[in-house]
């Protein structure tokens, strides 16, 4: 989803510039994990970006607060790429990262378990992963639909396996 705050040219992005001390490492690791969960674009060392909307701005502001609480320095900025081409490159990089995740989901969903219980566990885990990926999917790649279809096929298979196991009893 492109930034809703678009005028002429590139849309608005929310940036976080941060610096954390090397020790203790816990705040750095926690920040890295949160950035990964958000699916940010890494612009440079200590500089990340997300398309600006109310949700992403709030999330970045929370991260800035956490950096400061961890003994570091942080600033939140709103900015526009200088060109639409720069924004497209950012979006393409973010879409590619999600495409890789969707491909992994598709691959795992198409490796069918042999029992209904196994399939149900796999389906539940993959649906949770799907939700996590789609939360950070700002520029949906074509692989998203293939992953959705693979999850649906696994759900159908799970139903068939479970029904067959019940009938055998």
C-alpha atoms as a PDB file:
ATOM      1  CA  UNK A   1       0.000   0.000   0.000  1.00  0.00           C
ATOM      2  CA  UNK A   2       1.518   3.272  -1.030  1.00  0.00           C
ATOM      3  CA  UNK A   3       1.567   6.165   1.348  1.00  0.00           C
ATOM      4  CA  UNK A   4      -1.827   7.858   1.539  1.00  0.00           C
ATOM      5  CA  UNK A   5      -0.074  11.186   2.105  1.00  0.00           C
ATOM      6  CA  UNK A   6       0.962  11.535  -1.542  1.00  0.00           C
ATOM      7  CA  UNK A   7       1.025  14.852  -3.336  1.00  0.00           C
ATOM      8  CA  UNK A   8       3.048  15.489  -6.484  1.00  0.00           C
ATOM      9  CA  UNK A   9       5.860  13.014  -6.908  1.00  0.00           C
ATOM     10  CA  UNK A  10       7.151  10.849  -4.086  1.00  0.00           C
ATOM     11  CA  UNK A  11       5.067  10.105  -0.987  1.00  0.00           C
ATOM     12  CA  UNK A  12       5.877  10.914   2.610  1.00  0.00           C
ATOM     13  CA  UNK A  13       8.004   8.516   4.652  1.00  0.00           C
ATOM     14  CA  UNK A  14       8.703   8.366   8.365  1.00  0.00           C
ATOM     15  CA  UNK A  15      12.400   7.997   9.197  1.00  0.00           C
ATOM     16  CA  UNK A  16      14.133   6.956  12.366  1.00  0.00           C
ATOM     17  CA  UNK A  17      17.728   7.832  12.927  1.00  0.00           C
ATOM     18  CA  UNK A  18      19.197   6.159  15.988  1.00  0.00           C
ATOM     19  CA  UNK A  19      22.362   5.301  17.820  1.00  0.00           C
ATOM     20  CA  UNK A  20      22.600   2.816  20.672  1.00  0.00           C
ATOM     21  CA  UNK A  21      25.613   1.968  22.820  1.00  0.00           C
ATOM     22  CA  UNK A  22      27.194  -1.414  22.054  1.00  0.00           C
ATOM     23  CA  UNK A  23      26.852  -2.546  25.666  1.00  0.00           C
ATOM     24  CA  UNK A  24      24.592  -3.733  26.999  1.00  0.00           C
ATOM     25  CA  UNK A  25      23.558  -5.524  23.828  1.00  0.00           C
ATOM     26  CA  UNK A  26      19.968  -6.285  24.917  1.00  0.00           C
ATOM     27  CA  UNK A  27      18.471  -2.953  23.717  1.00  0.00           C
ATOM     28  CA  UNK A  28      20.251  -3.310  20.342  1.00  0.00           C
ATOM     29  CA  UNK A  29      18.953  -6.845  19.861  1.00  0.00           C
ATOM     30  CA  UNK A  30      15.424  -5.860  20.898  1.00  0.00           C
ATOM     31  CA  UNK A  31      15.475  -2.924  18.470  1.00  0.00           C
ATOM     32  CA  UNK A  32      16.784  -5.098  15.632  1.00  0.00           C
ATOM     33  CA  UNK A  33      13.962  -7.606  16.209  1.00  0.00           C
ATOM     34  CA  UNK A  34      11.309  -4.884  16.270  1.00  0.00           C
ATOM     35  CA  UNK A  35      12.687  -3.333  13.067  1.00  0.00           C
ATOM     36  CA  UNK A  36      12.586  -6.744  11.395  1.00  0.00           C
ATOM     37  CA  UNK A  37       8.979  -7.316  12.526  1.00  0.00           C
ATOM     38  CA  UNK A  38       8.016  -3.917  11.091  1.00  0.00           C
ATOM     39  CA  UNK A  39       9.660  -4.655   7.724  1.00  0.00           C
ATOM     40  CA  UNK A  40      11.555  -1.358   7.547  1.00  0.00           C
ATOM     41  CA  UNK A  41      13.738  -0.163   4.711  1.00  0.00           C
ATOM     42  CA  UNK A  42      17.326   0.142   5.963  1.00  0.00           C
ATOM     43  CA  UNK A  43      18.656   3.350   4.402  1.00  0.00           C
ATOM     44  CA  UNK A  44      21.991   3.314   6.184  1.00  0.00           C
ATOM     45  CA  UNK A  45      23.621   2.469   9.472  1.00  0.00           C
ATOM     46  CA  UNK A  46      21.190   3.725  12.099  1.00  0.00           C
ATOM     47  CA  UNK A  47      18.680   5.065   9.562  1.00  0.00           C
ATOM     48  CA  UNK A  48      15.432   3.296   8.645  1.00  0.00           C
ATOM     49  CA  UNK A  49      12.244   4.272   6.820  1.00  0.00           C
ATOM     50  CA  UNK A  50       8.618   3.245   6.435  1.00  0.00           C
ATOM     51  CA  UNK A  51       5.842   4.727   4.303  1.00  0.00           C
ATOM     52  CA  UNK A  52       4.217   7.375   6.505  1.00  0.00           C
ATOM     53  CA  UNK A  53       0.770   6.821   7.891  1.00  0.00           C
ATOM     54  CA  UNK A  54      -0.630   7.168  11.406  1.00  0.00           C
ATOM     55  CA  UNK A  55       0.246   3.567  12.334  1.00  0.00           C
ATOM     56  CA  UNK A  56       3.832   3.564  11.071  1.00  0.00           C
ATOM     57  CA  UNK A  57       4.528   6.984  12.540  1.00  0.00           C
ATOM     58  CA  UNK A  58       3.308   5.830  15.956  1.00  0.00           C
ATOM     59  CA  UNK A  59       5.383   2.635  15.758  1.00  0.00           C
ATOM     60  CA  UNK A  60       8.520   4.567  14.847  1.00  0.00           C
ATOM     61  CA  UNK A  61       7.904   7.056  17.659  1.00  0.00           C
ATOM     62  CA  UNK A  62       7.640   4.152  20.123  1.00  0.00           C
ATOM     63  CA  UNK A  63      10.919   2.760  18.815  1.00  0.00           C
ATOM     64  CA  UNK A  64      12.576   6.150  19.264  1.00  0.00           C
ATOM     65  CA  UNK A  65      11.383   6.201  22.879  1.00  0.00           C
ATOM     66  CA  UNK A  66      12.792   2.708  23.420  1.00  0.00           C
ATOM     67  CA  UNK A  67      16.159   3.748  21.964  1.00  0.00           C
ATOM     68  CA  UNK A  68      16.330   6.705  24.333  1.00  0.00           C
ATOM     69  CA  UNK A  69      15.298   4.515  27.291  1.00  0.00           C
ATOM     70  CA  UNK A  70      18.090   2.127  26.264  1.00  0.00           C
ATOM     71  CA  UNK A  71      20.656   4.909  26.653  1.00  0.00           C
ATOM     72  CA  UNK A  72      20.818   5.869  22.996  1.00  0.00           C
ATOM     73  CA  UNK A  73      19.875   8.792  20.803  1.00  0.00           C
ATOM     74  CA  UNK A  74      16.980   8.853  18.358  1.00  0.00           C
ATOM     75  CA  UNK A  75      15.106  11.260  16.139  1.00  0.00           C
ATOM     76  CA  UNK A  76      11.983  10.802  14.033  1.00  0.00           C
ATOM     77  CA  UNK A  77      11.675  12.608  10.708  1.00  0.00           C
ATOM     78  CA  UNK A  78       9.045  12.944   8.030  1.00  0.00           C
ATOM     79  CA  UNK A  79      10.519  13.219   4.561  1.00  0.00           C
ATOM     80  CA  UNK A  80       9.950  12.648   0.867  1.00  0.00           C
ATOM     81  CA  UNK A  81      12.461  10.977  -1.423  1.00  0.00           C
ATOM     82  CA  UNK A  82      13.926  13.497  -3.835  1.00  0.00           C
ATOM     83  CA  UNK A  83      12.597  11.536  -6.811  1.00  0.00           C
ATOM     84  CA  UNK A  84       9.854   9.053  -7.550  1.00  0.00           C
ATOM     85  CA  UNK A  85      12.608   6.710  -8.776  1.00  0.00           C
ATOM     86  CA  UNK A  86      14.184   6.708  -5.298  1.00  0.00           C
ATOM     87  CA  UNK A  87      10.829   5.890  -3.755  1.00  0.00           C
ATOM     88  CA  UNK A  88      10.268   3.103  -6.283  1.00  0.00           C
ATOM     89  CA  UNK A  89      13.653   1.638  -5.393  1.00  0.00           C
ATOM     90  CA  UNK A  90      12.764   1.685  -1.673  1.00  0.00           C
ATOM     91  CA  UNK A  91       9.382   0.085  -2.378  1.00  0.00           C
ATOM     92  CA  UNK A  92      10.949  -2.536  -4.660  1.00  0.00           C
ATOM     93  CA  UNK A  93      13.453  -3.505  -1.976  1.00  0.00           C
ATOM     94  CA  UNK A  94      10.705  -3.838   0.613  1.00  0.00           C
ATOM     95  CA  UNK A  95       8.503  -5.825  -1.805  1.00  0.00           C
ATOM     96  CA  UNK A  96      11.409  -8.159  -2.617  1.00  0.00           C
ATOM     97  CA  UNK A  97      11.991  -8.887   1.074  1.00  0.00           C
ATOM     98  CA  UNK A  98       8.306  -9.810   1.480  1.00  0.00           C
ATOM     99  CA  UNK A  99       8.384 -11.871  -1.732  1.00  0.00           C
ATOM    100  CA  UNK A 100      11.140 -14.032  -0.235  1.00  0.00           C
ATOM    101  CA  UNK A 101       9.010 -14.586   2.868  1.00  0.00           C
ATOM    102  CA  UNK A 102       5.919 -15.422   0.801  1.00  0.00           C
ATOM    103  CA  UNK A 103       7.933 -17.894  -1.293  1.00  0.00           C
ATOM    104  CA  UNK A 104       9.070 -19.658   1.884  1.00  0.00           C
ATOM    105  CA  UNK A 105       5.454 -19.853   3.072  1.00  0.00           C
ATOM    106  CA  UNK A 106       4.350 -21.234  -0.295  1.00  0.00           C
ATOM    107  CA  UNK A 107       7.086 -23.848  -0.304  1.00  0.00           C
ATOM    108  CA  UNK A 108       6.275 -25.010   3.207  1.00  0.00           C
ATOM    109  CA  UNK A 109       2.519 -25.042   2.569  1.00  0.00           C
ATOM    110  CA  UNK A 110       2.959 -27.238  -0.498  1.00  0.00           C
ATOM    111  CA  UNK A 111       4.928 -29.869   1.435  1.00  0.00           C
ATOM    112  CA  UNK A 112       1.875 -31.768   2.653  1.00  0.00           C
ATOM    113  CA  UNK A 113       1.841 -33.519   6.029  1.00  0.00           C
ATOM    114  CA  UNK A 114       0.561 -37.094   6.083  1.00  0.00           C
ATOM    115  CA  UNK A 115      -1.985 -36.795   8.889  1.00  0.00           C
ATOM    116  CA  UNK A 116      -4.809 -34.395   9.678  1.00  0.00           C
ATOM    117  CA  UNK A 117      -3.311 -33.495  13.058  1.00  0.00           C
ATOM    118  CA  UNK A 118       0.085 -32.716  11.497  1.00  0.00           C
ATOM    119  CA  UNK A 119      -1.548 -30.706   8.729  1.00  0.00           C
ATOM    120  CA  UNK A 120      -3.625 -28.742  11.240  1.00  0.00           C
ATOM    121  CA  UNK A 121      -0.526 -27.830  13.270  1.00  0.00           C
ATOM    122  CA  UNK A 122       1.382 -26.792  10.150  1.00  0.00           C
ATOM    123  CA  UNK A 123      -1.594 -24.794   8.882  1.00  0.00           C
ATOM    124  CA  UNK A 124      -1.979 -22.964  12.183  1.00  0.00           C
ATOM    125  CA  UNK A 125       1.722 -22.054  12.256  1.00  0.00           C
ATOM    126  CA  UNK A 126       1.767 -20.951   8.626  1.00  0.00           C
ATOM    127  CA  UNK A 127      -1.355 -18.816   9.084  1.00  0.00           C
ATOM    128  CA  UNK A 128       0.346 -17.078  12.019  1.00  0.00           C
ATOM    129  CA  UNK A 129       3.415 -16.468   9.839  1.00  0.00           C
ATOM    130  CA  UNK A 130       1.129 -15.192   7.037  1.00  0.00           C
ATOM    131  CA  UNK A 131      -0.391 -12.609   9.403  1.00  0.00           C
ATOM    132  CA  UNK A 132       3.073 -11.507  10.528  1.00  0.00           C
ATOM    133  CA  UNK A 133       4.296 -11.072   6.946  1.00  0.00           C
ATOM    134  CA  UNK A 134       1.173  -9.247   5.762  1.00  0.00           C
ATOM    135  CA  UNK A 135       1.492  -6.762   8.667  1.00  0.00           C
ATOM    136  CA  UNK A 136       4.820  -5.602   7.240  1.00  0.00           C
ATOM    137  CA  UNK A 137       3.799  -5.880   3.596  1.00  0.00           C
ATOM    138  CA  UNK A 138       3.513  -2.247   2.486  1.00  0.00           C
ATOM    139  CA  UNK A 139       4.006  -2.992  -1.224  1.00  0.00           C
ATOM    140  CA  UNK A 140       2.478  -6.443  -1.872  1.00  0.00           C
ATOM    141  CA  UNK A 141       4.440  -8.522  -4.394  1.00  0.00           C
ATOM    142  CA  UNK A 142       2.800 -11.016  -6.737  1.00  0.00           C
ATOM    143  CA  UNK A 143       4.108 -13.866  -4.541  1.00  0.00           C
ATOM    144  CA  UNK A 144       1.554 -12.866  -1.898  1.00  0.00           C
ATOM    145  CA  UNK A 145      -1.324 -14.347  -3.908  1.00  0.00           C
ATOM    146  CA  UNK A 146       0.561 -17.600  -4.529  1.00  0.00           C
ATOM    147  CA  UNK A 147       1.189 -17.951  -0.782  1.00  0.00           C
ATOM    148  CA  UNK A 148      -2.472 -17.253  -0.032  1.00  0.00           C
ATOM    149  CA  UNK A 149      -3.525 -19.914  -2.547  1.00  0.00           C
ATOM    150  CA  UNK A 150      -1.040 -22.438  -1.111  1.00  0.00           C
ATOM    151  CA  UNK A 151      -2.399 -21.829   2.397  1.00  0.00           C
ATOM    152  CA  UNK A 152      -5.946 -22.327   1.120  1.00  0.00           C
ATOM    153  CA  UNK A 153      -4.925 -25.568  -0.591  1.00  0.00           C
ATOM    154  CA  UNK A 154      -3.314 -26.734   2.667  1.00  0.00           C
ATOM    155  CA  UNK A 155      -6.518 -25.862   4.545  1.00  0.00           C
ATOM    156  CA  UNK A 156      -8.500 -27.913   2.031  1.00  0.00           C
ATOM    157  CA  UNK A 157      -6.064 -30.826   2.377  1.00  0.00           C
ATOM    158  CA  UNK A 158      -6.259 -30.584   6.167  1.00  0.00           C
ATOM    159  CA  UNK A 159     -10.037 -30.836   6.022  1.00  0.00           C
ATOM    160  CA  UNK A 160      -9.856 -33.867   3.721  1.00  0.00           C
ATOM    161  CA  UNK A 161      -7.228 -35.629   5.868  1.00  0.00           C
ATOM    162  CA  UNK A 162      -9.150 -34.972   9.071  1.00  0.00           C
ATOM    163  CA  UNK A 163     -12.433 -36.126   7.520  1.00  0.00           C
ATOM    164  CA  UNK A 164     -10.778 -39.312   6.223  1.00  0.00           C
ATOM    165  CA  UNK A 165      -9.252 -40.041   9.650  1.00  0.00           C
ATOM    166  CA  UNK A 166     -12.620 -39.570  11.375  1.00  0.00           C
ATOM    167  CA  UNK A 167     -14.294 -41.934   8.885  1.00  0.00           C
ATOM    168  CA  UNK A 168     -11.646 -44.606   9.535  1.00  0.00           C
ATOM    169  CA  UNK A 169     -12.414 -44.628  13.246  1.00  0.00           C
END
